[in-house]
């Protein structure tokens, strides 16, 4: 199985993640932010990835460091688990309906050519990282509640930070776009699910490829 463990410790965050790309959709990450935990659970469930570990950080500053650094660590885990990307499908897309919202994700693990970038998520694990995000979020924080009843605001502007960190370290090209929608909750969750399904398809082994690297260059760089 394609697995990887990443330890990332800085003065701002302490993150430990173990990823199994060929998993069964289980997420058991100790996470202080309930809404963010829900997004990681949705990503694993729909991508059939197993993810375990813990994340902690300087939430007394704000949520940016923790969410971005988790994206960085998750990206590093994908890059390590994929290795030279031999045998994978490499590119894929998925359209996900989330109530009133409609999200599309396209992914390519080499380098997607620029075309109609609107209303799609595209990801390419090809060594040339780039993230384009047009989630059309209102920007207002979401009101959330901890188990002890205390409330906190989830910073929706950290959504793009997470995927920027992921793309840069997974060495992939990813486009995330909202076609239409009203609820920021639905837009964010739908894009996590669309990305999960696209990444799942792109990282699956193509039996017809016979283990070859999916690039005319012969390598993913």
C-alpha atoms as a PDB file:
ATOM      1  CA  UNK A   1       0.000   0.000   0.000  1.00  0.00           C
ATOM      2  CA  UNK A   2       1.069   3.592  -0.654  1.00  0.00           C
ATOM      3  CA  UNK A   3       1.569   5.159   2.760  1.00  0.00           C
ATOM      4  CA  UNK A   4       3.530   8.010   4.315  1.00  0.00           C
ATOM      5  CA  UNK A   5       4.042   9.613   7.716  1.00  0.00           C
ATOM      6  CA  UNK A   6       4.888  13.304   8.036  1.00  0.00           C
ATOM      7  CA  UNK A   7       6.049  15.079  11.197  1.00  0.00           C
ATOM      8  CA  UNK A   8       6.065  18.879  11.025  1.00  0.00           C
ATOM      9  CA  UNK A   9       6.946  20.813  14.167  1.00  0.00           C
ATOM     10  CA  UNK A  10       7.526  24.557  14.283  1.00  0.00           C
ATOM     11  CA  UNK A  11       7.164  27.291  16.900  1.00  0.00           C
ATOM     12  CA  UNK A  12       3.640  27.802  15.534  1.00  0.00           C
ATOM     13  CA  UNK A  13       2.281  24.298  14.886  1.00  0.00           C
ATOM     14  CA  UNK A  14       2.835  20.658  15.795  1.00  0.00           C
ATOM     15  CA  UNK A  15       1.503  18.272  13.167  1.00  0.00           C
ATOM     16  CA  UNK A  16       1.787  14.506  12.749  1.00  0.00           C
ATOM     17  CA  UNK A  17      -0.084  12.781   9.901  1.00  0.00           C
ATOM     18  CA  UNK A  18      -0.058   9.242   8.547  1.00  0.00           C
ATOM     19  CA  UNK A  19      -1.693   8.773   5.140  1.00  0.00           C
ATOM     20  CA  UNK A  20      -2.768   5.620   3.322  1.00  0.00           C
ATOM     21  CA  UNK A  21      -3.841   6.497  -0.216  1.00  0.00           C
ATOM     22  CA  UNK A  22      -5.326   3.011  -0.718  1.00  0.00           C
ATOM     23  CA  UNK A  23      -7.456   3.161   2.408  1.00  0.00           C
ATOM     24  CA  UNK A  24     -11.111   2.738   3.300  1.00  0.00           C
ATOM     25  CA  UNK A  25     -12.053   6.327   4.153  1.00  0.00           C
ATOM     26  CA  UNK A  26     -11.147   6.424   7.851  1.00  0.00           C
ATOM     27  CA  UNK A  27     -10.071   9.703   9.464  1.00  0.00           C
ATOM     28  CA  UNK A  28      -8.824   9.761  13.057  1.00  0.00           C
ATOM     29  CA  UNK A  29      -6.970  13.040  13.408  1.00  0.00           C
ATOM     30  CA  UNK A  30      -7.022  14.805  16.779  1.00  0.00           C
ATOM     31  CA  UNK A  31      -8.159  18.253  15.701  1.00  0.00           C
ATOM     32  CA  UNK A  32      -9.126  21.241  17.903  1.00  0.00           C
ATOM     33  CA  UNK A  33     -11.362  22.793  15.214  1.00  0.00           C
ATOM     34  CA  UNK A  34     -14.640  20.941  14.772  1.00  0.00           C
ATOM     35  CA  UNK A  35     -15.533  22.370  11.359  1.00  0.00           C
ATOM     36  CA  UNK A  36     -12.039  21.698   9.998  1.00  0.00           C
ATOM     37  CA  UNK A  37     -12.231  18.175  11.417  1.00  0.00           C
ATOM     38  CA  UNK A  38     -15.507  17.715   9.522  1.00  0.00           C
ATOM     39  CA  UNK A  39     -13.761  18.784   6.289  1.00  0.00           C
ATOM     40  CA  UNK A  40     -10.880  16.326   6.799  1.00  0.00           C
ATOM     41  CA  UNK A  41     -13.372  13.554   7.570  1.00  0.00           C
ATOM     42  CA  UNK A  42     -15.312  14.375   4.398  1.00  0.00           C
ATOM     43  CA  UNK A  43     -12.089  14.420   2.352  1.00  0.00           C
ATOM     44  CA  UNK A  44     -11.098  10.970   3.620  1.00  0.00           C
ATOM     45  CA  UNK A  45     -14.572   9.459   3.344  1.00  0.00           C
ATOM     46  CA  UNK A  46     -15.069  10.525  -0.278  1.00  0.00           C
ATOM     47  CA  UNK A  47     -11.477   9.963  -1.353  1.00  0.00           C
ATOM     48  CA  UNK A  48     -11.206   6.565   0.380  1.00  0.00           C
ATOM     49  CA  UNK A  49      -8.021   7.782   2.074  1.00  0.00           C
ATOM     50  CA  UNK A  50      -7.046   6.762   5.605  1.00  0.00           C
ATOM     51  CA  UNK A  51      -5.602   9.594   7.690  1.00  0.00           C
ATOM     52  CA  UNK A  52      -4.529   9.517  11.325  1.00  0.00           C
ATOM     53  CA  UNK A  53      -2.486  11.647  13.695  1.00  0.00           C
ATOM     54  CA  UNK A  54      -2.869  14.965  15.475  1.00  0.00           C
ATOM     55  CA  UNK A  55      -2.675  18.674  14.753  1.00  0.00           C
ATOM     56  CA  UNK A  56      -2.148  21.537  17.209  1.00  0.00           C
ATOM     57  CA  UNK A  57      -1.109  25.146  16.928  1.00  0.00           C
ATOM     58  CA  UNK A  58      -1.202  28.727  18.124  1.00  0.00           C
ATOM     59  CA  UNK A  59      -4.951  29.293  17.977  1.00  0.00           C
ATOM     60  CA  UNK A  60      -4.422  32.210  20.345  1.00  0.00           C
ATOM     61  CA  UNK A  61      -2.991  34.000  17.286  1.00  0.00           C
ATOM     62  CA  UNK A  62      -5.592  32.783  14.777  1.00  0.00           C
ATOM     63  CA  UNK A  63      -6.433  29.639  12.766  1.00  0.00           C
ATOM     64  CA  UNK A  64      -4.300  30.439   9.720  1.00  0.00           C
ATOM     65  CA  UNK A  65      -1.060  28.748  10.834  1.00  0.00           C
ATOM     66  CA  UNK A  66      -2.752  25.493  11.859  1.00  0.00           C
ATOM     67  CA  UNK A  67      -4.930  25.137   8.756  1.00  0.00           C
ATOM     68  CA  UNK A  68      -2.226  26.126   6.265  1.00  0.00           C
ATOM     69  CA  UNK A  69       0.394  23.893   7.913  1.00  0.00           C
ATOM     70  CA  UNK A  70      -2.026  20.955   7.868  1.00  0.00           C
ATOM     71  CA  UNK A  71      -2.393  21.489   4.122  1.00  0.00           C
ATOM     72  CA  UNK A  72       1.403  21.547   3.824  1.00  0.00           C
ATOM     73  CA  UNK A  73       1.778  18.311   5.805  1.00  0.00           C
ATOM     74  CA  UNK A  74      -1.001  16.565   3.874  1.00  0.00           C
ATOM     75  CA  UNK A  75       0.589  17.625   0.594  1.00  0.00           C
ATOM     76  CA  UNK A  76       3.963  16.284   1.736  1.00  0.00           C
ATOM     77  CA  UNK A  77       2.282  12.999   2.679  1.00  0.00           C
ATOM     78  CA  UNK A  78       0.742  12.617  -0.787  1.00  0.00           C
ATOM     79  CA  UNK A  79       4.037  13.435  -2.486  1.00  0.00           C
ATOM     80  CA  UNK A  80       5.913  10.889  -0.347  1.00  0.00           C
ATOM     81  CA  UNK A  81       3.274   8.174  -0.784  1.00  0.00           C
ATOM     82  CA  UNK A  82       3.072   8.657  -4.556  1.00  0.00           C
ATOM     83  CA  UNK A  83       6.830   8.593  -5.073  1.00  0.00           C
ATOM     84  CA  UNK A  84       7.576   8.877  -8.793  1.00  0.00           C
ATOM     85  CA  UNK A  85       3.840   8.618  -9.641  1.00  0.00           C
ATOM     86  CA  UNK A  86       4.500   5.494 -11.724  1.00  0.00           C
ATOM     87  CA  UNK A  87       1.323   3.795 -12.904  1.00  0.00           C
ATOM     88  CA  UNK A  88      -1.198   6.372 -11.716  1.00  0.00           C
ATOM     89  CA  UNK A  89      -4.007   7.797 -13.846  1.00  0.00           C
ATOM     90  CA  UNK A  90      -2.592  11.275 -13.138  1.00  0.00           C
ATOM     91  CA  UNK A  91      -5.531  13.506 -14.057  1.00  0.00           C
ATOM     92  CA  UNK A  92      -9.230  13.534 -13.236  1.00  0.00           C
ATOM     93  CA  UNK A  93     -12.185  15.773 -12.441  1.00  0.00           C
ATOM     94  CA  UNK A  94     -15.403  15.522 -10.467  1.00  0.00           C
ATOM     95  CA  UNK A  95     -18.614  17.560 -10.277  1.00  0.00           C
ATOM     96  CA  UNK A  96     -20.184  17.508  -6.828  1.00  0.00           C
ATOM     97  CA  UNK A  97     -23.688  18.767  -5.937  1.00  0.00           C
ATOM     98  CA  UNK A  98     -24.121  20.004  -2.371  1.00  0.00           C
ATOM     99  CA  UNK A  99     -27.733  21.075  -1.909  1.00  0.00           C
ATOM    100  CA  UNK A 100     -27.991  24.488  -3.601  1.00  0.00           C
ATOM    101  CA  UNK A 101     -24.269  24.516  -4.431  1.00  0.00           C
ATOM    102  CA  UNK A 102     -22.557  22.889  -7.394  1.00  0.00           C
ATOM    103  CA  UNK A 103     -18.790  22.362  -7.367  1.00  0.00           C
ATOM    104  CA  UNK A 104     -16.430  20.914  -9.941  1.00  0.00           C
ATOM    105  CA  UNK A 105     -12.908  19.616  -9.386  1.00  0.00           C
ATOM    106  CA  UNK A 106     -10.393  18.622 -12.001  1.00  0.00           C
ATOM    107  CA  UNK A 107      -6.997  17.213 -11.103  1.00  0.00           C
ATOM    108  CA  UNK A 108      -3.857  16.475 -13.077  1.00  0.00           C
ATOM    109  CA  UNK A 109      -0.690  15.116 -11.518  1.00  0.00           C
ATOM    110  CA  UNK A 110       1.664  16.596 -14.105  1.00  0.00           C
ATOM    111  CA  UNK A 111       0.636  20.064 -15.284  1.00  0.00           C
ATOM    112  CA  UNK A 112      -2.797  21.027 -16.505  1.00  0.00           C
ATOM    113  CA  UNK A 113      -2.946  23.316 -19.503  1.00  0.00           C
ATOM    114  CA  UNK A 114      -4.842  26.507 -18.879  1.00  0.00           C
ATOM    115  CA  UNK A 115      -8.276  26.484 -20.408  1.00  0.00           C
ATOM    116  CA  UNK A 116     -11.698  27.233 -18.959  1.00  0.00           C
ATOM    117  CA  UNK A 117     -10.574  27.503 -15.342  1.00  0.00           C
ATOM    118  CA  UNK A 118     -13.916  28.716 -14.029  1.00  0.00           C
ATOM    119  CA  UNK A 119     -16.259  26.293 -12.273  1.00  0.00           C
ATOM    120  CA  UNK A 120     -13.787  23.469 -11.921  1.00  0.00           C
ATOM    121  CA  UNK A 121     -11.268  21.905  -9.592  1.00  0.00           C
ATOM    122  CA  UNK A 122      -8.298  20.555 -11.463  1.00  0.00           C
ATOM    123  CA  UNK A 123      -5.309  18.884  -9.863  1.00  0.00           C
ATOM    124  CA  UNK A 124      -2.046  17.712 -11.390  1.00  0.00           C
ATOM    125  CA  UNK A 125       0.607  15.865  -9.384  1.00  0.00           C
ATOM    126  CA  UNK A 126       3.299  16.619 -11.914  1.00  0.00           C
ATOM    127  CA  UNK A 127       5.999  18.502 -10.060  1.00  0.00           C
ATOM    128  CA  UNK A 128       4.947  22.021 -11.093  1.00  0.00           C
ATOM    129  CA  UNK A 129       2.737  23.266  -8.245  1.00  0.00           C
ATOM    130  CA  UNK A 130       0.032  25.836  -8.766  1.00  0.00           C
ATOM    131  CA  UNK A 131      -3.292  26.538  -7.051  1.00  0.00           C
ATOM    132  CA  UNK A 132      -6.169  28.496  -8.536  1.00  0.00           C
ATOM    133  CA  UNK A 133      -9.098  28.979  -6.168  1.00  0.00           C
ATOM    134  CA  UNK A 134     -12.373  30.669  -7.066  1.00  0.00           C
ATOM    135  CA  UNK A 135     -14.558  29.345  -4.257  1.00  0.00           C
ATOM    136  CA  UNK A 136     -16.748  32.464  -4.252  1.00  0.00           C
ATOM    137  CA  UNK A 137     -16.896  32.548  -0.451  1.00  0.00           C
ATOM    138  CA  UNK A 138     -18.612  35.477   1.252  1.00  0.00           C
ATOM    139  CA  UNK A 139     -15.733  35.749   3.703  1.00  0.00           C
ATOM    140  CA  UNK A 140     -17.853  35.878   6.845  1.00  0.00           C
ATOM    141  CA  UNK A 141     -16.622  33.457   9.553  1.00  0.00           C
ATOM    142  CA  UNK A 142     -18.810  30.479  10.480  1.00  0.00           C
ATOM    143  CA  UNK A 143     -20.115  30.328  14.048  1.00  0.00           C
ATOM    144  CA  UNK A 144     -19.098  26.976  15.571  1.00  0.00           C
ATOM    145  CA  UNK A 145     -19.393  25.392  19.004  1.00  0.00           C
ATOM    146  CA  UNK A 146     -16.931  23.252  20.946  1.00  0.00           C
ATOM    147  CA  UNK A 147     -18.000  20.163  22.892  1.00  0.00           C
ATOM    148  CA  UNK A 148     -17.867  22.176  26.117  1.00  0.00           C
ATOM    149  CA  UNK A 149     -20.418  24.624  24.728  1.00  0.00           C
ATOM    150  CA  UNK A 150     -18.029  27.501  24.057  1.00  0.00           C
ATOM    151  CA  UNK A 151     -18.323  29.150  20.677  1.00  0.00           C
ATOM    152  CA  UNK A 152     -15.653  30.106  18.162  1.00  0.00           C
ATOM    153  CA  UNK A 153     -15.559  31.566  14.676  1.00  0.00           C
ATOM    154  CA  UNK A 154     -14.144  29.458  11.841  1.00  0.00           C
ATOM    155  CA  UNK A 155     -12.061  31.584   9.470  1.00  0.00           C
ATOM    156  CA  UNK A 156     -13.351  30.718   5.995  1.00  0.00           C
ATOM    157  CA  UNK A 157     -10.514  32.704   4.376  1.00  0.00           C
ATOM    158  CA  UNK A 158      -8.184  29.881   5.496  1.00  0.00           C
ATOM    159  CA  UNK A 159      -9.790  27.540   2.941  1.00  0.00           C
ATOM    160  CA  UNK A 160      -7.552  28.791   0.155  1.00  0.00           C
ATOM    161  CA  UNK A 161      -4.512  28.768   2.474  1.00  0.00           C
ATOM    162  CA  UNK A 162      -5.027  25.049   3.082  1.00  0.00           C
ATOM    163  CA  UNK A 163      -5.132  24.203  -0.623  1.00  0.00           C
ATOM    164  CA  UNK A 164      -2.238  26.508  -1.483  1.00  0.00           C
ATOM    165  CA  UNK A 165      -0.153  24.663   1.121  1.00  0.00           C
ATOM    166  CA  UNK A 166      -1.341  21.314  -0.210  1.00  0.00           C
ATOM    167  CA  UNK A 167      -0.565  22.122  -3.856  1.00  0.00           C
ATOM    168  CA  UNK A 168       2.901  23.522  -3.165  1.00  0.00           C
ATOM    169  CA  UNK A 169       3.982  20.430  -1.227  1.00  0.00           C
ATOM    170  CA  UNK A 170       2.130  17.682  -3.086  1.00  0.00           C
ATOM    171  CA  UNK A 171       3.730  19.259  -6.172  1.00  0.00           C
ATOM    172  CA  UNK A 172       0.407  19.314  -7.937  1.00  0.00           C
ATOM    173  CA  UNK A 173      -1.635  21.717  -9.991  1.00  0.00           C
ATOM    174  CA  UNK A 174      -5.125  22.157  -8.557  1.00  0.00           C
ATOM    175  CA  UNK A 175      -8.074  24.304  -9.598  1.00  0.00           C
ATOM    176  CA  UNK A 176     -10.990  24.720  -7.168  1.00  0.00           C
ATOM    177  CA  UNK A 177     -14.072  26.598  -8.276  1.00  0.00           C
ATOM    178  CA  UNK A 178     -17.691  27.068  -7.281  1.00  0.00           C
ATOM    179  CA  UNK A 179     -20.142  26.945 -10.175  1.00  0.00           C
ATOM    180  CA  UNK A 180     -22.982  28.280  -8.033  1.00  0.00           C
ATOM    181  CA  UNK A 181     -24.077  28.274  -4.417  1.00  0.00           C
ATOM    182  CA  UNK A 182     -25.335  30.286  -1.439  1.00  0.00           C
ATOM    183  CA  UNK A 183     -23.982  28.702   1.759  1.00  0.00           C
ATOM    184  CA  UNK A 184     -20.250  29.031   2.464  1.00  0.00           C
ATOM    185  CA  UNK A 185     -20.518  25.815   4.492  1.00  0.00           C
ATOM    186  CA  UNK A 186     -21.830  23.979   1.436  1.00  0.00           C
ATOM    187  CA  UNK A 187     -19.268  25.557  -0.894  1.00  0.00           C
ATOM    188  CA  UNK A 188     -16.324  24.609   1.320  1.00  0.00           C
ATOM    189  CA  UNK A 189     -17.588  21.112   2.067  1.00  0.00           C
ATOM    190  CA  UNK A 190     -18.575  20.467  -1.548  1.00  0.00           C
ATOM    191  CA  UNK A 191     -15.133  21.537  -2.763  1.00  0.00           C
ATOM    192  CA  UNK A 192     -13.412  19.261  -0.230  1.00  0.00           C
ATOM    193  CA  UNK A 193     -15.567  16.373  -1.466  1.00  0.00           C
ATOM    194  CA  UNK A 194     -15.038  17.224  -5.144  1.00  0.00           C
ATOM    195  CA  UNK A 195     -11.290  17.475  -4.569  1.00  0.00           C
ATOM    196  CA  UNK A 196     -11.321  14.141  -2.731  1.00  0.00           C
ATOM    197  CA  UNK A 197     -13.074  12.370  -5.593  1.00  0.00           C
ATOM    198  CA  UNK A 198     -10.815  13.965  -8.223  1.00  0.00           C
ATOM    199  CA  UNK A 199      -7.626  13.201  -6.277  1.00  0.00           C
ATOM    200  CA  UNK A 200      -8.845   9.655  -5.652  1.00  0.00           C
ATOM    201  CA  UNK A 201      -9.349   9.088  -9.386  1.00  0.00           C
ATOM    202  CA  UNK A 202      -6.085  10.779 -10.339  1.00  0.00           C
ATOM    203  CA  UNK A 203      -4.001   8.754  -7.879  1.00  0.00           C
ATOM    204  CA  UNK A 204      -5.542   5.383  -8.671  1.00  0.00           C
ATOM    205  CA  UNK A 205      -3.355   2.847 -10.431  1.00  0.00           C
ATOM    206  CA  UNK A 206      -4.233   2.435 -14.125  1.00  0.00           C
ATOM    207  CA  UNK A 207      -3.651  -1.262 -14.942  1.00  0.00           C
ATOM    208  CA  UNK A 208      -3.200  -0.458 -18.634  1.00  0.00           C
ATOM    209  CA  UNK A 209      -0.216   1.740 -17.860  1.00  0.00           C
ATOM    210  CA  UNK A 210       1.837  -1.247 -16.652  1.00  0.00           C
ATOM    211  CA  UNK A 211       3.672   0.788 -14.026  1.00  0.00           C
ATOM    212  CA  UNK A 212       4.971   3.451 -16.396  1.00  0.00           C
ATOM    213  CA  UNK A 213       5.282   7.085 -15.353  1.00  0.00           C
ATOM    214  CA  UNK A 214       2.340   8.984 -16.916  1.00  0.00           C
ATOM    215  CA  UNK A 215       4.387  11.551 -18.817  1.00  0.00           C
ATOM    216  CA  UNK A 216       5.952  11.752 -22.258  1.00  0.00           C
ATOM    217  CA  UNK A 217       9.076  13.023 -20.460  1.00  0.00           C
ATOM    218  CA  UNK A 218       9.415   9.699 -18.689  1.00  0.00           C
ATOM    219  CA  UNK A 219       9.561  11.469 -15.317  1.00  0.00           C
ATOM    220  CA  UNK A 220       7.301  13.751 -13.304  1.00  0.00           C
ATOM    221  CA  UNK A 221       9.225  16.983 -12.708  1.00  0.00           C
END
